mmCIF file of all heavy atoms, coordinates in Angstrom:
data_MODEL
# 
_entry.id   MODEL 
# 
loop_
_atom_site.group_PDB 
_atom_site.id 
_atom_site.type_symbol 
_atom_site.label_atom_id 
_atom_site.label_alt_id 
_atom_site.label_comp_id 
_atom_site.label_asym_id 
_atom_site.label_entity_id 
_atom_site.label_seq_id 
_atom_site.pdbx_PDB_ins_code 
_atom_site.Cartn_x 
_atom_site.Cartn_y 
_atom_site.Cartn_z 
_atom_site.occupancy 
_atom_site.B_iso_or_equiv 
_atom_site.pdbx_formal_charge 
_atom_site.auth_seq_id 
_atom_site.auth_comp_id 
_atom_site.auth_asym_id 
_atom_site.auth_atom_id 
_atom_site.pdbx_PDB_model_num 
ATOM 1   N N   . GLU A 1 1  ? -1.301  2.723   0.564   1.00 0.00 ? 1  GLU A N   1 
ATOM 2   C CA  . GLU A 1 1  ? -0.765  1.613   -0.187  1.00 0.00 ? 1  GLU A CA  1 
ATOM 3   C C   . GLU A 1 1  ? -1.649  1.386   -1.409  1.00 0.00 ? 1  GLU A C   1 
ATOM 4   O O   . GLU A 1 1  ? -2.679  2.022   -1.591  1.00 0.00 ? 1  GLU A O   1 
ATOM 5   C CB  . GLU A 1 1  ? -0.672  0.358   0.672   1.00 0.00 ? 1  GLU A CB  1 
ATOM 6   C CG  . GLU A 1 1  ? -1.997  -0.205  1.138   1.00 0.00 ? 1  GLU A CG  1 
ATOM 7   C CD  . GLU A 1 1  ? -1.802  -1.466  1.962   1.00 0.00 ? 1  GLU A CD  1 
ATOM 8   O OE1 . GLU A 1 1  ? -1.289  -2.448  1.420   1.00 0.00 ? 1  GLU A OE1 1 
ATOM 9   O OE2 . GLU A 1 1  ? -2.160  -1.450  3.154   1.00 0.00 ? 1  GLU A OE2 1 
ATOM 10  N N   . TYR A 1 2  ? -1.262  0.462   -2.250  1.00 0.00 ? 2  TYR A N   1 
ATOM 11  C CA  . TYR A 1 2  ? -1.888  0.256   -3.539  1.00 0.00 ? 2  TYR A CA  1 
ATOM 12  C C   . TYR A 1 2  ? -3.370  -0.068  -3.401  1.00 0.00 ? 2  TYR A C   1 
ATOM 13  O O   . TYR A 1 2  ? -3.758  -1.033  -2.753  1.00 0.00 ? 2  TYR A O   1 
ATOM 14  C CB  . TYR A 1 2  ? -1.184  -0.891  -4.258  1.00 0.00 ? 2  TYR A CB  1 
ATOM 15  C CG  . TYR A 1 2  ? -1.534  -1.001  -5.721  1.00 0.00 ? 2  TYR A CG  1 
ATOM 16  C CD1 . TYR A 1 2  ? -0.987  -0.119  -6.636  1.00 0.00 ? 2  TYR A CD1 1 
ATOM 17  C CD2 . TYR A 1 2  ? -2.404  -1.987  -6.170  1.00 0.00 ? 2  TYR A CD2 1 
ATOM 18  C CE1 . TYR A 1 2  ? -1.284  -0.220  -7.974  1.00 0.00 ? 2  TYR A CE1 1 
ATOM 19  C CE2 . TYR A 1 2  ? -2.708  -2.092  -7.508  1.00 0.00 ? 2  TYR A CE2 1 
ATOM 20  C CZ  . TYR A 1 2  ? -2.153  -1.207  -8.405  1.00 0.00 ? 2  TYR A CZ  1 
ATOM 21  O OH  . TYR A 1 2  ? -2.452  -1.313  -9.745  1.00 0.00 ? 2  TYR A OH  1 
ATOM 22  N N   . VAL A 1 3  ? -4.216  0.775   -4.022  1.00 0.00 ? 3  VAL A N   1 
ATOM 23  C CA  . VAL A 1 3  ? -5.664  0.587   -3.992  1.00 0.00 ? 3  VAL A CA  1 
ATOM 24  C C   . VAL A 1 3  ? -6.224  0.954   -5.366  1.00 0.00 ? 3  VAL A C   1 
ATOM 25  O O   . VAL A 1 3  ? -5.554  1.581   -6.188  1.00 0.00 ? 3  VAL A O   1 
ATOM 26  C CB  . VAL A 1 3  ? -6.348  1.455   -2.913  1.00 0.00 ? 3  VAL A CB  1 
ATOM 27  C CG1 . VAL A 1 3  ? -5.934  1.027   -1.515  1.00 0.00 ? 3  VAL A CG1 1 
ATOM 28  C CG2 . VAL A 1 3  ? -6.022  2.943   -3.130  1.00 0.00 ? 3  VAL A CG2 1 
ATOM 29  N N   . TYR A 1 4  ? -7.455  0.582   -5.621  1.00 0.00 ? 4  TYR A N   1 
ATOM 30  C CA  . TYR A 1 4  ? -8.142  0.976   -6.845  1.00 0.00 ? 4  TYR A CA  1 
ATOM 31  C C   . TYR A 1 4  ? -8.986  2.217   -6.563  1.00 0.00 ? 4  TYR A C   1 
ATOM 32  O O   . TYR A 1 4  ? -9.777  2.249   -5.632  1.00 0.00 ? 4  TYR A O   1 
ATOM 33  C CB  . TYR A 1 4  ? -9.041  -0.143  -7.354  1.00 0.00 ? 4  TYR A CB  1 
ATOM 34  C CG  . TYR A 1 4  ? -8.288  -1.283  -7.967  1.00 0.00 ? 4  TYR A CG  1 
ATOM 35  C CD1 . TYR A 1 4  ? -8.196  -2.509  -7.310  1.00 0.00 ? 4  TYR A CD1 1 
ATOM 36  C CD2 . TYR A 1 4  ? -7.656  -1.146  -9.199  1.00 0.00 ? 4  TYR A CD2 1 
ATOM 37  C CE1 . TYR A 1 4  ? -7.499  -3.570  -7.857  1.00 0.00 ? 4  TYR A CE1 1 
ATOM 38  C CE2 . TYR A 1 4  ? -6.960  -2.200  -9.767  1.00 0.00 ? 4  TYR A CE2 1 
ATOM 39  C CZ  . TYR A 1 4  ? -6.890  -3.408  -9.098  1.00 0.00 ? 4  TYR A CZ  1 
ATOM 40  O OH  . TYR A 1 4  ? -6.196  -4.444  -9.650  1.00 0.00 ? 4  TYR A OH  1 
ATOM 41  N N   . VAL A 1 5  ? -8.809  3.235   -7.402  1.00 0.00 ? 5  VAL A N   1 
ATOM 42  C CA  . VAL A 1 5  ? -9.591  4.459   -7.285  1.00 0.00 ? 5  VAL A CA  1 
ATOM 43  C C   . VAL A 1 5  ? -10.083 4.819   -8.680  1.00 0.00 ? 5  VAL A C   1 
ATOM 44  O O   . VAL A 1 5  ? -9.279  5.098   -9.569  1.00 0.00 ? 5  VAL A O   1 
ATOM 45  C CB  . VAL A 1 5  ? -8.756  5.625   -6.705  1.00 0.00 ? 5  VAL A CB  1 
ATOM 46  C CG1 . VAL A 1 5  ? -9.591  6.900   -6.666  1.00 0.00 ? 5  VAL A CG1 1 
ATOM 47  C CG2 . VAL A 1 5  ? -8.244  5.282   -5.319  1.00 0.00 ? 5  VAL A CG2 1 
ATOM 48  N N   . GLY A 1 6  ? -11.382 4.789   -8.882  1.00 0.00 ? 6  GLY A N   1 
ATOM 49  C CA  . GLY A 1 6  ? -11.938 5.134   -10.180 1.00 0.00 ? 6  GLY A CA  1 
ATOM 50  C C   . GLY A 1 6  ? -11.442 4.252   -11.304 1.00 0.00 ? 6  GLY A C   1 
ATOM 51  O O   . GLY A 1 6  ? -11.278 4.707   -12.441 1.00 0.00 ? 6  GLY A O   1 
ATOM 52  N N   . GLY A 1 7  ? -11.182 2.984   -10.991 1.00 0.00 ? 7  GLY A N   1 
ATOM 53  C CA  . GLY A 1 7  ? -10.727 2.052   -12.019 1.00 0.00 ? 7  GLY A CA  1 
ATOM 54  C C   . GLY A 1 7  ? -9.239  2.065   -12.262 1.00 0.00 ? 7  GLY A C   1 
ATOM 55  O O   . GLY A 1 7  ? -8.726  1.307   -13.076 1.00 0.00 ? 7  GLY A O   1 
ATOM 56  N N   . LEU A 1 8  ? -8.505  2.950   -11.567 1.00 0.00 ? 8  LEU A N   1 
ATOM 57  C CA  . LEU A 1 8  ? -7.050  3.026   -11.711 1.00 0.00 ? 8  LEU A CA  1 
ATOM 58  C C   . LEU A 1 8  ? -6.369  2.592   -10.423 1.00 0.00 ? 8  LEU A C   1 
ATOM 59  O O   . LEU A 1 8  ? -6.888  2.818   -9.337  1.00 0.00 ? 8  LEU A O   1 
ATOM 60  C CB  . LEU A 1 8  ? -6.603  4.444   -12.066 1.00 0.00 ? 8  LEU A CB  1 
ATOM 61  C CG  . LEU A 1 8  ? -6.955  4.964   -13.461 1.00 0.00 ? 8  LEU A CG  1 
ATOM 62  C CD1 . LEU A 1 8  ? -6.536  6.423   -13.593 1.00 0.00 ? 8  LEU A CD1 1 
ATOM 63  C CD2 . LEU A 1 8  ? -6.289  4.128   -14.542 1.00 0.00 ? 8  LEU A CD2 1 
ATOM 64  N N   . GLY A 1 9  ? -5.208  2.002   -10.566 1.00 0.00 ? 9  GLY A N   1 
ATOM 65  C CA  . GLY A 1 9  ? -4.423  1.645   -9.398  1.00 0.00 ? 9  GLY A CA  1 
ATOM 66  C C   . GLY A 1 9  ? -3.689  2.857   -8.868  1.00 0.00 ? 9  GLY A C   1 
ATOM 67  O O   . GLY A 1 9  ? -3.102  3.615   -9.631  1.00 0.00 ? 9  GLY A O   1 
ATOM 68  N N   . VAL A 1 10 ? -3.747  3.064   -7.572  1.00 0.00 ? 10 VAL A N   1 
ATOM 69  C CA  . VAL A 1 10 ? -3.101  4.221   -6.954  1.00 0.00 ? 10 VAL A CA  1 
ATOM 70  C C   . VAL A 1 10 ? -2.277  3.757   -5.766  1.00 0.00 ? 10 VAL A C   1 
ATOM 71  O O   . VAL A 1 10 ? -2.739  2.969   -4.943  1.00 0.00 ? 10 VAL A O   1 
ATOM 72  C CB  . VAL A 1 10 ? -4.145  5.251   -6.471  1.00 0.00 ? 10 VAL A CB  1 
ATOM 73  C CG1 . VAL A 1 10 ? -3.466  6.405   -5.745  1.00 0.00 ? 10 VAL A CG1 1 
ATOM 74  C CG2 . VAL A 1 10 ? -4.961  5.773   -7.650  1.00 0.00 ? 10 VAL A CG2 1 
ATOM 75  N N   . GLY A 1 11 ? -1.051  4.254   -5.666  1.00 0.00 ? 11 GLY A N   1 
ATOM 76  C CA  . GLY A 1 11 ? -0.233  3.990   -4.494  1.00 0.00 ? 11 GLY A CA  1 
ATOM 77  C C   . GLY A 1 11 ? 0.828   2.938   -4.718  1.00 0.00 ? 11 GLY A C   1 
ATOM 78  O O   . GLY A 1 11 ? 0.958   2.360   -5.790  1.00 0.00 ? 11 GLY A O   1 
ATOM 79  N N   . ALA A 1 12 ? 1.617   2.694   -3.697  1.00 0.00 ? 12 ALA A N   1 
ATOM 80  C CA  . ALA A 1 12 ? 2.725   1.743   -3.763  1.00 0.00 ? 12 ALA A CA  1 
ATOM 81  C C   . ALA A 1 12 ? 2.302   0.404   -3.177  1.00 0.00 ? 12 ALA A C   1 
ATOM 82  O O   . ALA A 1 12 ? 1.475   0.341   -2.277  1.00 0.00 ? 12 ALA A O   1 
ATOM 83  C CB  . ALA A 1 12 ? 3.931   2.275   -2.995  1.00 0.00 ? 12 ALA A CB  1 
ATOM 84  N N   . TYR A 1 13 ? 2.871   -0.668  -3.691  1.00 0.00 ? 13 TYR A N   1 
ATOM 85  C CA  . TYR A 1 13 ? 2.624   -1.984  -3.132  1.00 0.00 ? 13 TYR A CA  1 
ATOM 86  C C   . TYR A 1 13 ? 3.319   -2.117  -1.786  1.00 0.00 ? 13 TYR A C   1 
ATOM 87  O O   . TYR A 1 13 ? 4.462   -1.695  -1.620  1.00 0.00 ? 13 TYR A O   1 
ATOM 88  C CB  . TYR A 1 13 ? 3.150   -3.080  -4.061  1.00 0.00 ? 13 TYR A CB  1 
ATOM 89  C CG  . TYR A 1 13 ? 2.345   -3.294  -5.303  1.00 0.00 ? 13 TYR A CG  1 
ATOM 90  C CD1 . TYR A 1 13 ? 2.800   -2.822  -6.524  1.00 0.00 ? 13 TYR A CD1 1 
ATOM 91  C CD2 . TYR A 1 13 ? 1.128   -3.969  -5.267  1.00 0.00 ? 13 TYR A CD2 1 
ATOM 92  C CE1 . TYR A 1 13 ? 2.070   -3.015  -7.682  1.00 0.00 ? 13 TYR A CE1 1 
ATOM 93  C CE2 . TYR A 1 13 ? 0.399   -4.164  -6.412  1.00 0.00 ? 13 TYR A CE2 1 
ATOM 94  C CZ  . TYR A 1 13 ? 0.864   -3.693  -7.630  1.00 0.00 ? 13 TYR A CZ  1 
ATOM 95  O OH  . TYR A 1 13 ? 0.139   -3.885  -8.758  1.00 0.00 ? 13 TYR A OH  1 
ATOM 96  N N   . SER A 1 14 ? 2.645   -2.725  -0.837  1.00 0.00 ? 14 SER A N   1 
ATOM 97  C CA  . SER A 1 14 ? 3.298   -3.111  0.404   1.00 0.00 ? 14 SER A CA  1 
ATOM 98  C C   . SER A 1 14 ? 4.049   -4.416  0.174   1.00 0.00 ? 14 SER A C   1 
ATOM 99  O O   . SER A 1 14 ? 3.593   -5.276  -0.578  1.00 0.00 ? 14 SER A O   1 
ATOM 100 C CB  . SER A 1 14 ? 2.263   -3.311  1.522   1.00 0.00 ? 14 SER A CB  1 
ATOM 101 O OG  . SER A 1 14 ? 1.648   -2.094  1.859   1.00 0.00 ? 14 SER A OG  1 
ATOM 102 N N   . VAL A 1 15 ? 5.192   -4.550  0.805   1.00 0.00 ? 15 VAL A N   1 
ATOM 103 C CA  . VAL A 1 15 ? 5.965   -5.780  0.673   1.00 0.00 ? 15 VAL A CA  1 
ATOM 104 C C   . VAL A 1 15 ? 5.362   -6.840  1.582   1.00 0.00 ? 15 VAL A C   1 
ATOM 105 O O   . VAL A 1 15 ? 5.244   -6.624  2.791   1.00 0.00 ? 15 VAL A O   1 
ATOM 106 C CB  . VAL A 1 15 ? 7.445   -5.553  1.037   1.00 0.00 ? 15 VAL A CB  1 
ATOM 107 C CG1 . VAL A 1 15 ? 8.219   -6.866  0.983   1.00 0.00 ? 15 VAL A CG1 1 
ATOM 108 C CG2 . VAL A 1 15 ? 8.060   -4.515  0.105   1.00 0.00 ? 15 VAL A CG2 1 
ATOM 109 N N   . PRO A 1 16 ? 4.958   -7.982  1.041   1.00 0.00 ? 16 PRO A N   1 
ATOM 110 C CA  . PRO A 1 16 ? 4.342   -9.025  1.878   1.00 0.00 ? 16 PRO A CA  1 
ATOM 111 C C   . PRO A 1 16 ? 5.273   -9.458  3.008   1.00 0.00 ? 16 PRO A C   1 
ATOM 112 O O   . PRO A 1 16 ? 6.488   -9.541  2.836   1.00 0.00 ? 16 PRO A O   1 
ATOM 113 C CB  . PRO A 1 16 ? 4.108   -10.179 0.891   1.00 0.00 ? 16 PRO A CB  1 
ATOM 114 C CG  . PRO A 1 16 ? 4.059   -9.526  -0.449  1.00 0.00 ? 16 PRO A CG  1 
ATOM 115 C CD  . PRO A 1 16 ? 5.014   -8.377  -0.374  1.00 0.00 ? 16 PRO A CD  1 
ATOM 116 N N   . GLY A 1 17 ? 4.677   -9.700  4.159   1.00 0.00 ? 17 GLY A N   1 
ATOM 117 C CA  . GLY A 1 17 ? 5.467   -10.197 5.274   1.00 0.00 ? 17 GLY A CA  1 
ATOM 118 C C   . GLY A 1 17 ? 6.213   -9.141  6.047   1.00 0.00 ? 17 GLY A C   1 
ATOM 119 O O   . GLY A 1 17 ? 7.022   -9.454  6.918   1.00 0.00 ? 17 GLY A O   1 
ATOM 120 N N   . THR A 1 18 ? 5.961   -7.854  5.730   1.00 0.00 ? 18 THR A N   1 
ATOM 121 C CA  . THR A 1 18 ? 6.611   -6.779  6.472   1.00 0.00 ? 18 THR A CA  1 
ATOM 122 C C   . THR A 1 18 ? 5.541   -5.918  7.135   1.00 0.00 ? 18 THR A C   1 
ATOM 123 O O   . THR A 1 18 ? 4.393   -5.876  6.707   1.00 0.00 ? 18 THR A O   1 
ATOM 124 C CB  . THR A 1 18 ? 7.474   -5.893  5.562   1.00 0.00 ? 18 THR A CB  1 
ATOM 125 O OG1 . THR A 1 18 ? 6.634   -5.238  4.589   1.00 0.00 ? 18 THR A OG1 1 
ATOM 126 C CG2 . THR A 1 18 ? 8.513   -6.717  4.840   1.00 0.00 ? 18 THR A CG2 1 
ATOM 127 N N   . SER A 1 19 ? 5.940   -5.209  8.181   1.00 0.00 ? 19 SER A N   1 
ATOM 128 C CA  . SER A 1 19 ? 4.998   -4.377  8.931   1.00 0.00 ? 19 SER A CA  1 
ATOM 129 C C   . SER A 1 19 ? 4.786   -3.046  8.227   1.00 0.00 ? 19 SER A C   1 
ATOM 130 O O   . SER A 1 19 ? 5.741   -2.376  7.833   1.00 0.00 ? 19 SER A O   1 
ATOM 131 C CB  . SER A 1 19 ? 5.535   -4.130  10.344  1.00 0.00 ? 19 SER A CB  1 
ATOM 132 O OG  . SER A 1 19 ? 4.716   -3.205  11.026  1.00 0.00 ? 19 SER A OG  1 
ATOM 133 N N   . ASN A 1 20 ? 3.532   -2.673  8.050   1.00 0.00 ? 20 ASN A N   1 
ATOM 134 C CA  . ASN A 1 20 ? 3.202   -1.372  7.472   1.00 0.00 ? 20 ASN A CA  1 
ATOM 135 C C   . ASN A 1 20 ? 2.113   -0.687  8.277   1.00 0.00 ? 20 ASN A C   1 
ATOM 136 O O   . ASN A 1 20 ? 1.266   -0.006  7.719   1.00 0.00 ? 20 ASN A O   1 
ATOM 137 C CB  . ASN A 1 20 ? 2.751   -1.540  6.017   1.00 0.00 ? 20 ASN A CB  1 
ATOM 138 C CG  . ASN A 1 20 ? 3.910   -1.835  5.091   1.00 0.00 ? 20 ASN A CG  1 
ATOM 139 O OD1 . ASN A 1 20 ? 4.827   -1.039  4.955   1.00 0.00 ? 20 ASN A OD1 1 
ATOM 140 N ND2 . ASN A 1 20 ? 3.880   -2.990  4.460   1.00 0.00 ? 20 ASN A ND2 1 
ATOM 141 N N   . ASN A 1 21 ? 2.142   -0.897  9.579   1.00 0.00 ? 21 ASN A N   1 
ATOM 142 C CA  . ASN A 1 21 ? 1.060   -0.370  10.417  1.00 0.00 ? 21 ASN A CA  1 
ATOM 143 C C   . ASN A 1 21 ? 1.450   0.908   11.144  1.00 0.00 ? 21 ASN A C   1 
ATOM 144 O O   . ASN A 1 21 ? 0.800   1.311   12.099  1.00 0.00 ? 21 ASN A O   1 
ATOM 145 C CB  . ASN A 1 21 ? 0.604   -1.433  11.421  1.00 0.00 ? 21 ASN A CB  1 
ATOM 146 C CG  . ASN A 1 21 ? 1.744   -1.946  12.289  1.00 0.00 ? 21 ASN A CG  1 
ATOM 147 O OD1 . ASN A 1 21 ? 2.861   -1.441  12.204  1.00 0.00 ? 21 ASN A OD1 1 
ATOM 148 N ND2 . ASN A 1 21 ? 1.470   -2.946  13.105  1.00 0.00 ? 21 ASN A ND2 1 
ATOM 149 N N   . SER A 1 22 ? 2.523   1.547   10.712  1.00 0.00 ? 22 SER A N   1 
ATOM 150 C CA  . SER A 1 22 ? 2.914   2.816   11.313  1.00 0.00 ? 22 SER A CA  1 
ATOM 151 C C   . SER A 1 22 ? 3.668   3.626   10.276  1.00 0.00 ? 22 SER A C   1 
ATOM 152 O O   . SER A 1 22 ? 4.017   3.136   9.207   1.00 0.00 ? 22 SER A O   1 
ATOM 153 C CB  . SER A 1 22 ? 3.800   2.588   12.546  1.00 0.00 ? 22 SER A CB  1 
ATOM 154 O OG  . SER A 1 22 ? 5.061   2.063   12.163  1.00 0.00 ? 22 SER A OG  1 
ATOM 155 N N   . ASN A 1 23 ? 3.921   4.895   10.608  1.00 0.00 ? 23 ASN A N   1 
ATOM 156 C CA  . ASN A 1 23 ? 4.639   5.754   9.673   1.00 0.00 ? 23 ASN A CA  1 
ATOM 157 C C   . ASN A 1 23 ? 6.094   5.354   9.510   1.00 0.00 ? 23 ASN A C   1 
ATOM 158 O O   . ASN A 1 23 ? 6.724   5.665   8.504   1.00 0.00 ? 23 ASN A O   1 
ATOM 159 C CB  . ASN A 1 23 ? 4.574   7.208   10.137  1.00 0.00 ? 23 ASN A CB  1 
ATOM 160 C CG  . ASN A 1 23 ? 3.182   7.772   10.012  1.00 0.00 ? 23 ASN A CG  1 
ATOM 161 O OD1 . ASN A 1 23 ? 2.291   7.160   9.417   1.00 0.00 ? 23 ASN A OD1 1 
ATOM 162 N ND2 . ASN A 1 23 ? 2.973   8.948   10.581  1.00 0.00 ? 23 ASN A ND2 1 
ATOM 163 N N   . ASN A 1 24 ? 6.647   4.683   10.515  1.00 0.00 ? 24 ASN A N   1 
ATOM 164 C CA  . ASN A 1 24 ? 8.041   4.255   10.445  1.00 0.00 ? 24 ASN A CA  1 
ATOM 165 C C   . ASN A 1 24 ? 8.128   2.821   10.949  1.00 0.00 ? 24 ASN A C   1 
ATOM 166 O O   . ASN A 1 24 ? 8.522   2.572   12.092  1.00 0.00 ? 24 ASN A O   1 
ATOM 167 C CB  . ASN A 1 24 ? 8.924   5.184   11.282  1.00 0.00 ? 24 ASN A CB  1 
ATOM 168 C CG  . ASN A 1 24 ? 10.397  4.917   11.064  1.00 0.00 ? 24 ASN A CG  1 
ATOM 169 O OD1 . ASN A 1 24 ? 10.790  4.201   10.142  1.00 0.00 ? 24 ASN A OD1 1 
ATOM 170 N ND2 . ASN A 1 24 ? 11.234  5.496   11.911  1.00 0.00 ? 24 ASN A ND2 1 
ATOM 171 N N   . PRO A 1 25 ? 7.773   1.851   10.093  1.00 0.00 ? 25 PRO A N   1 
ATOM 172 C CA  . PRO A 1 25 ? 7.638   0.469   10.547  1.00 0.00 ? 25 PRO A CA  1 
ATOM 173 C C   . PRO A 1 25 ? 8.950   -0.264  10.783  1.00 0.00 ? 25 PRO A C   1 
ATOM 174 O O   . PRO A 1 25 ? 8.952   -1.344  11.364  1.00 0.00 ? 25 PRO A O   1 
ATOM 175 C CB  . PRO A 1 25 ? 6.861   -0.186  9.402   1.00 0.00 ? 25 PRO A CB  1 
ATOM 176 C CG  . PRO A 1 25 ? 7.223   0.623   8.199   1.00 0.00 ? 25 PRO A CG  1 
ATOM 177 C CD  . PRO A 1 25 ? 7.382   2.026   8.689   1.00 0.00 ? 25 PRO A CD  1 
# 
């Protein structure tokens, strides 16, 4: 999910209030 790497944003935003703790939530 969206993180900072070397000063750049990398990845997709997680939707607040939804489960993202597995490969198929």
